[in-house]
Structures are given as C-alpha cells and as structure tokens.
Amino acid sequence: MISIYLMKHLLMSGCGHATYLPGFVRSTYTLKSVRFFSGSHIIFGKRKKTKKSRTEKIQSTAESTVEELDTQQFLLNASKEFEKSIECYSKEATQLKMGKSNPKIFDHLKVQLSNKKTANFQQIAQTVMKGNKFLNVTVFDPNDTKHVVSAILGANLNLNPVVDPKNPQLLKVLLPNSTKELKEKQLKRLKELTDNYKTSHNNRNSLASLRNKYMKQIKAAEGSQDAIKKLENSIEKVYRSNADQLSKRYKNFSNSVK
C-alpha cells in the first residue's frame, strides 16, 4: 500500500461542457490522503461543513472525511472523454464533407419577419435533400416565404432559392457541381479540422489537450513512481488508441471527398 497526494480533480468533458468524475464532490477539497490498494482505489478527503470559530477553522484545516474513487472507473471516464472527442470530430467532418448538400446548411440563419421580429430558420422552415442536385425548403407559413428567400440570399452561400410555381411554400435550391477546386478546399479544411482535434492545445477537446490534462493531474501526485508510471502508461495507451482511430476516420473522410 502506498500513499500519494493528488491536487487537481476537476475534469472537462464533452464538447465544451464541464463535468466531474464519479467519486468527486462538487466542492473545495482539502486533500487528506490518496492511496492505491490492490483493488486500485484512491481515497480523497473533503472538508467538513460545520460552523466553527475562526480559530477552530484554522486548527481543523487538516481534518477531513474520506471517500473512495476506483481508479478503474477513473480510467473508464477518461476513455469516455477521448471517445467523445472522436465523436465531435466525426460530426464536424461529416458536415464539412457534405458541404452545401448538407440539409442543415440553413439552420443557423436568422430570418427577419414582417412583424419586425426575428425567427430562427428551423422555427419557420425545414430543409431536405432532393436527389443529388437539389435542396428542398418547405416554409411552414406562405407569408414567410419571401423572408426565407431573403435570408438565404443574404447568407452569401452562393445559393439561389426558387419558389415552386405550384407551391408557394416550397423553395428549390440548385446545388453547384463539385469541382476540383472545391474538393481541394474541402480536403484542406478537413486536414485543419483533424489537426485541431488531434494535436491542438487551443482546443480543450482535442486528444492532445485531454492527454496533457490527465498527465498533469498524475504528475501533481507524490508517491510511488511505479504507481504513477502505471497511471501514465494507461492514459498514454488510451490516447494512442484514439489517435489511431482519428487517423483512420480522417483517411476515410478524405477518400470520400476525392
């Protein structure tokens, strides 16, 4: 049995959301002890919340209750963070690959209505693919059709919506043909996106950022070098596995664009 002290416990996961690992409590910790057992458990201390005088508070700063954190669960949650990064990458890469043929291409638009109010595009219209060359936009209220047309034209997407003469609530948007220049731009942006999710330290959801965060947490510990090294190796293994997975997905996306 060995004793180590671990200073940081707040972890970030998901695409930009803060969360805590199971076993951590959402409050300030005064660390009492962290120990590995044969079952790979860690012990954390939490400050007691009792009313005391200033002198008593100073004297009791080292007092704490304890609770266990299974290191296997710790590593499981780490794996989930890395996997979430891969999911986010795949979602963005899919949208990039689809380009203007993405039915969600207009979803971010704000539409100015006749009553001087602004509506989100999704509140007043819906877009679907029609074959390989058209996007069909259905406007829920025919009175909003002209406003939807204006919003699309004003988005500088080089797309021209045309009202169906038989249906004033239906817009047809002809998609441009894929050219060599367009494919080259898509491949360039795909490479930039891949680097952002693999090696960038500015993206807190990148594999490199996640690896760095976990390694810093482990290096902040004191105790058996064997135990610390074991945790480092485990995180490194998770990182490399997901880095390989990201590289494979990048290759597949690239081939589908070419």
Protein backbone atom coordinates (compact mmCIF):
# COMPACT_ATOMS: atom_id res chain seq x y z
CA MET A 1 0.00 0.00 0.00
CA ILE A 2 1.35 3.41 -0.93
CA SER A 3 0.28 6.97 -0.25
CA ILE A 4 0.17 9.79 -2.83
CA TYR A 5 -1.31 13.30 -2.88
CA LEU A 6 -3.33 14.40 -5.86
CA MET A 7 -4.11 18.11 -6.18
CA LYS A 8 -6.45 18.52 -9.19
CA HIS A 9 -9.77 16.78 -9.60
CA LEU A 10 -11.90 18.95 -11.86
CA LEU A 11 -12.14 17.43 -15.32
CA MET A 12 -13.70 18.75 -18.52
CA SER A 13 -15.51 16.50 -20.96
CA GLY A 14 -17.87 16.57 -23.83
CA CYS A 15 -17.87 19.34 -26.45
CA GLY A 16 -17.35 22.24 -24.19
CA HIS A 17 -19.21 21.18 -21.03
CA ALA A 18 -17.87 20.93 -17.51
CA THR A 19 -18.37 17.71 -15.58
CA TYR A 20 -16.94 15.81 -12.65
CA LEU A 21 -15.80 12.25 -12.44
CA PRO A 22 -17.86 9.91 -10.27
CA GLY A 23 -16.35 9.92 -6.83
CA PHE A 24 -15.56 13.63 -6.88
CA VAL A 25 -17.75 16.04 -4.95
CA ARG A 26 -18.61 19.49 -6.37
CA SER A 27 -16.93 21.47 -3.60
CA THR A 28 -13.47 22.55 -2.44
CA TYR A 29 -11.22 19.74 -1.29
CA THR A 30 -8.61 19.63 1.43
CA LEU A 31 -6.65 16.58 0.45
CA LYS A 32 -6.05 14.17 3.28
CA SER A 33 -4.64 11.13 1.53
CA VAL A 34 -4.68 9.31 -1.75
CA ARG A 35 -3.82 5.67 -1.63
CA PHE A 36 -3.70 2.79 -4.07
CA PHE A 37 -4.89 -0.57 -2.86
CA SER A 38 -4.69 -3.94 -4.54
CA GLY A 39 -8.14 -3.15 -5.96
CA SER A 40 -6.78 0.14 -7.39
CA HIS A 41 -8.79 2.52 -5.19
CA ILE A 42 -7.99 6.15 -4.38
CA ILE A 43 -9.01 7.91 -1.18
CA PHE A 44 -9.93 11.60 -1.24
CA GLY A 45 -10.68 13.93 1.66
CA LYS A 46 -13.46 16.54 1.78
CA ARG A 47 -13.76 19.45 4.18
CA LYS A 48 -16.36 19.07 6.92
CA LYS A 49 -19.11 21.68 6.68
CA THR A 50 -19.70 22.63 10.32
CA LYS A 51 -19.95 26.04 11.96
CA LYS A 52 -16.74 26.83 13.84
CA SER A 53 -14.93 29.83 15.16
CA ARG A 54 -12.05 31.28 13.16
CA THR A 55 -9.53 29.63 15.50
CA GLU A 56 -11.27 26.27 15.22
CA LYS A 57 -11.37 26.58 11.45
CA ILE A 58 -7.62 27.20 11.29
CA GLN A 59 -6.93 24.28 13.63
CA SER A 60 -9.16 21.92 11.67
CA THR A 61 -7.99 22.60 8.11
CA ALA A 62 -6.33 19.19 8.02
CA GLU A 63 -9.42 17.38 9.26
CA SER A 64 -11.47 15.65 6.61
CA THR A 65 -13.79 12.83 5.80
CA VAL A 66 -12.78 10.44 3.07
CA GLU A 67 -14.39 8.77 0.11
CA GLU A 68 -13.10 6.25 -2.41
CA LEU A 69 -12.56 6.55 -6.12
CA ASP A 70 -11.91 3.41 -8.10
CA THR A 71 -9.00 4.05 -10.49
CA GLN A 72 -10.59 1.70 -13.00
CA GLN A 73 -13.63 3.97 -13.06
CA PHE A 74 -11.27 6.94 -13.31
CA LEU A 75 -9.70 5.45 -16.45
CA LEU A 76 -13.11 4.49 -17.81
CA ASN A 77 -14.25 8.10 -17.60
CA ALA A 78 -11.01 9.20 -19.23
CA SER A 79 -11.70 6.82 -22.10
CA LYS A 80 -15.19 8.28 -22.49
CA GLU A 81 -13.73 11.78 -22.77
CA PHE A 82 -11.37 10.70 -25.55
CA GLU A 83 -14.18 8.87 -27.34
CA LYS A 84 -16.39 11.96 -27.08
CA SER A 85 -13.65 13.94 -28.82
CA ILE A 86 -13.68 11.45 -31.69
CA GLU A 87 -17.47 11.75 -31.93
CA CYS A 88 -17.29 15.54 -32.11
CA TYR A 89 -14.62 15.32 -34.81
CA SER A 90 -16.68 12.88 -36.88
CA LYS A 91 -19.77 15.08 -36.64
CA GLU A 92 -17.90 18.17 -37.86
CA ALA A 93 -16.06 16.22 -40.56
CA THR A 94 -19.36 14.83 -41.88
CA GLN A 95 -20.83 18.33 -42.14
CA LEU A 96 -17.68 19.57 -43.87
CA LYS A 97 -17.75 16.68 -46.35
CA MET A 98 -21.39 17.34 -47.23
CA GLY A 99 -20.68 21.00 -47.86
CA LYS A 100 -23.65 22.77 -49.43
CA SER A 101 -25.55 19.50 -49.81
CA ASN A 102 -25.99 19.43 -46.03
CA PRO A 103 -29.71 19.86 -45.18
CA LYS A 104 -28.64 21.73 -42.04
CA ILE A 105 -26.80 24.40 -44.01
CA PHE A 106 -29.53 27.00 -43.33
CA ASP A 107 -30.29 26.06 -39.72
CA HIS A 108 -28.08 28.80 -38.29
CA LEU A 109 -29.82 31.59 -40.22
CA LYS A 110 -31.89 34.30 -38.57
CA VAL A 111 -34.96 35.34 -40.56
CA GLN A 112 -36.43 38.86 -40.36
CA LEU A 113 -40.24 38.64 -40.41
CA SER A 114 -42.78 41.22 -41.49
CA ASN A 115 -43.77 41.96 -37.89
CA LYS A 116 -40.20 43.17 -37.29
CA LYS A 117 -39.47 40.07 -35.23
CA THR A 118 -36.61 37.65 -35.85
CA ALA A 119 -37.06 33.89 -36.04
CA ASN A 120 -34.63 31.01 -36.21
CA PHE A 121 -34.72 29.32 -39.60
CA GLN A 122 -35.76 25.99 -38.06
CA GLN A 123 -38.80 27.62 -36.47
CA ILE A 124 -40.35 28.57 -39.78
CA ALA A 125 -38.89 26.18 -42.37
CA GLN A 126 -37.39 22.75 -42.95
CA THR A 127 -34.75 21.60 -45.45
CA VAL A 128 -34.33 18.15 -47.04
CA MET A 129 -32.18 16.72 -49.83
CA LYS A 130 -33.90 16.07 -53.15
CA GLY A 131 -31.74 13.70 -55.16
CA ASN A 132 -28.10 14.78 -55.51
CA LYS A 133 -28.63 18.22 -57.03
CA PHE A 134 -31.34 19.97 -55.05
CA LEU A 135 -32.26 21.10 -51.56
CA ASN A 136 -35.97 21.48 -50.95
CA VAL A 137 -37.02 24.06 -48.36
CA THR A 138 -40.56 23.85 -47.01
CA VAL A 139 -41.80 27.07 -45.41
CA PHE A 140 -44.50 26.45 -42.81
CA ASP A 141 -46.35 29.73 -43.44
CA PRO A 142 -46.61 31.03 -47.04
CA ASN A 143 -46.42 34.57 -45.68
CA ASP A 144 -42.85 33.86 -44.56
CA THR A 145 -41.61 32.53 -47.91
CA LYS A 146 -40.17 35.84 -49.14
CA HIS A 147 -38.40 36.36 -45.82
CA VAL A 148 -36.80 32.91 -46.01
CA VAL A 149 -35.63 33.64 -49.56
CA SER A 150 -34.08 36.91 -48.39
CA ALA A 151 -32.31 35.17 -45.51
CA ILE A 152 -30.77 32.54 -47.81
CA LEU A 153 -29.66 35.12 -50.36
CA GLY A 154 -28.20 37.32 -47.64
CA ALA A 155 -26.12 34.45 -46.19
CA ASN A 156 -23.57 34.71 -49.07
CA LEU A 157 -23.69 30.97 -49.71
CA ASN A 158 -23.93 31.44 -53.49
CA LEU A 159 -27.21 29.53 -53.44
CA ASN A 160 -30.33 30.79 -55.19
CA PRO A 161 -33.70 29.58 -53.83
CA VAL A 162 -36.53 29.47 -56.36
CA VAL A 163 -40.21 29.36 -55.36
CA ASP A 164 -42.10 26.42 -56.85
CA PRO A 165 -44.82 27.97 -59.11
CA LYS A 166 -47.27 25.28 -57.98
CA ASN A 167 -46.49 25.55 -54.28
CA PRO A 168 -45.69 28.95 -52.69
CA GLN A 169 -44.40 27.19 -49.57
CA LEU A 170 -41.74 25.18 -51.43
CA LEU A 171 -38.32 26.53 -52.36
CA LYS A 172 -35.94 24.63 -54.65
CA VAL A 173 -32.22 25.28 -54.28
CA LEU A 174 -29.95 24.03 -57.07
CA LEU A 175 -26.60 22.84 -55.75
CA PRO A 176 -23.38 23.70 -57.62
CA ASN A 177 -21.44 20.92 -59.29
CA SER A 178 -18.46 19.62 -57.37
CA THR A 179 -15.24 20.88 -58.93
CA LYS A 180 -11.58 20.06 -58.44
CA GLU A 181 -11.07 23.41 -56.73
CA LEU A 182 -13.97 22.76 -54.34
CA LYS A 183 -12.62 19.32 -53.44
CA GLU A 184 -9.17 20.76 -52.76
CA LYS A 185 -10.71 23.32 -50.39
CA GLN A 186 -12.66 20.60 -48.61
CA LEU A 187 -9.54 18.45 -48.20
CA LYS A 188 -7.60 21.41 -46.83
CA ARG A 189 -10.31 22.23 -44.30
CA LEU A 190 -10.58 18.56 -43.35
CA LYS A 191 -6.84 18.43 -42.63
CA GLU A 192 -7.11 21.57 -40.48
CA LEU A 193 -10.07 20.09 -38.60
CA THR A 194 -8.16 16.86 -38.00
CA ASP A 195 -5.13 18.70 -36.64
CA ASN A 196 -7.42 20.74 -34.40
CA TYR A 197 -8.82 17.59 -32.82
CA LYS A 198 -5.55 15.68 -32.70
CA THR A 199 -2.66 17.98 -31.80
CA SER A 200 -4.07 21.43 -30.98
CA HIS A 201 -3.68 22.64 -27.38
CA ASN A 202 -6.09 25.52 -28.07
CA ASN A 203 -8.97 23.07 -28.40
CA ARG A 204 -9.71 21.70 -24.93
CA ASN A 205 -11.49 18.73 -26.53
CA SER A 206 -8.52 17.70 -28.67
CA LEU A 207 -6.77 14.42 -27.94
CA ALA A 208 -3.55 16.29 -27.11
CA SER A 209 -5.33 18.58 -24.64
CA LEU A 210 -7.03 15.66 -22.91
CA ARG A 211 -3.76 13.76 -22.68
CA ASN A 212 -1.98 16.81 -21.28
CA LYS A 213 -4.73 17.39 -18.69
CA TYR A 214 -4.56 13.85 -17.36
CA MET A 215 -0.77 13.75 -17.36
CA LYS A 216 -0.60 16.99 -15.38
CA GLN A 217 -3.01 15.59 -12.83
CA ILE A 218 -0.91 12.47 -12.42
CA LYS A 219 2.39 14.36 -12.27
CA ALA A 220 0.97 16.56 -9.49
CA ALA A 221 0.87 13.45 -7.29
CA GLU A 222 3.55 12.33 -4.83
CA GLY A 223 4.25 8.73 -4.03
CA SER A 224 5.34 5.50 -5.61
CA GLN A 225 6.88 6.07 -9.02
CA ASP A 226 5.65 2.64 -10.09
CA ALA A 227 2.04 3.54 -9.31
CA ILE A 228 2.31 6.92 -11.03
CA LYS A 229 4.02 5.39 -14.05
CA LYS A 230 1.27 2.78 -14.30
CA LEU A 231 -1.39 5.51 -14.49
CA GLU A 232 0.66 7.47 -17.03
CA ASN A 233 1.01 4.38 -19.22
CA SER A 234 -2.72 3.73 -19.01
CA ILE A 235 -3.57 7.27 -20.14
CA GLU A 236 -0.95 7.10 -22.89
CA LYS A 237 -2.48 3.85 -24.13
CA VAL A 238 -5.95 5.42 -24.26
CA TYR A 239 -4.55 8.46 -26.07
CA ARG A 240 -2.70 6.44 -28.72
CA SER A 241 -5.69 4.18 -29.35
CA ASN A 242 -7.95 7.15 -30.02
CA ALA A 243 -5.28 8.95 -32.06
CA ASP A 244 -5.13 5.89 -34.33
CA GLN A 245 -8.93 5.88 -34.56
CA LEU A 246 -8.97 9.56 -35.53
CA SER A 247 -6.32 8.97 -38.22
CA LYS A 248 -8.40 6.15 -39.70
CA ARG A 249 -11.51 8.32 -39.80
CA TYR A 250 -9.57 11.15 -41.42
CA LYS A 251 -8.38 8.78 -44.13
CA ASN A 252 -11.94 7.56 -44.76
CA PHE A 253 -13.32 11.11 -44.95
CA SER A 254 -10.51 12.16 -47.30
CA ASN A 255 -11.15 9.25 -49.64
CA SER A 256 -14.88 10.04 -49.74
CA VAL A 257 -14.14 13.66 -50.78
CA LYS A 258 -11.65 12.77 -53.55
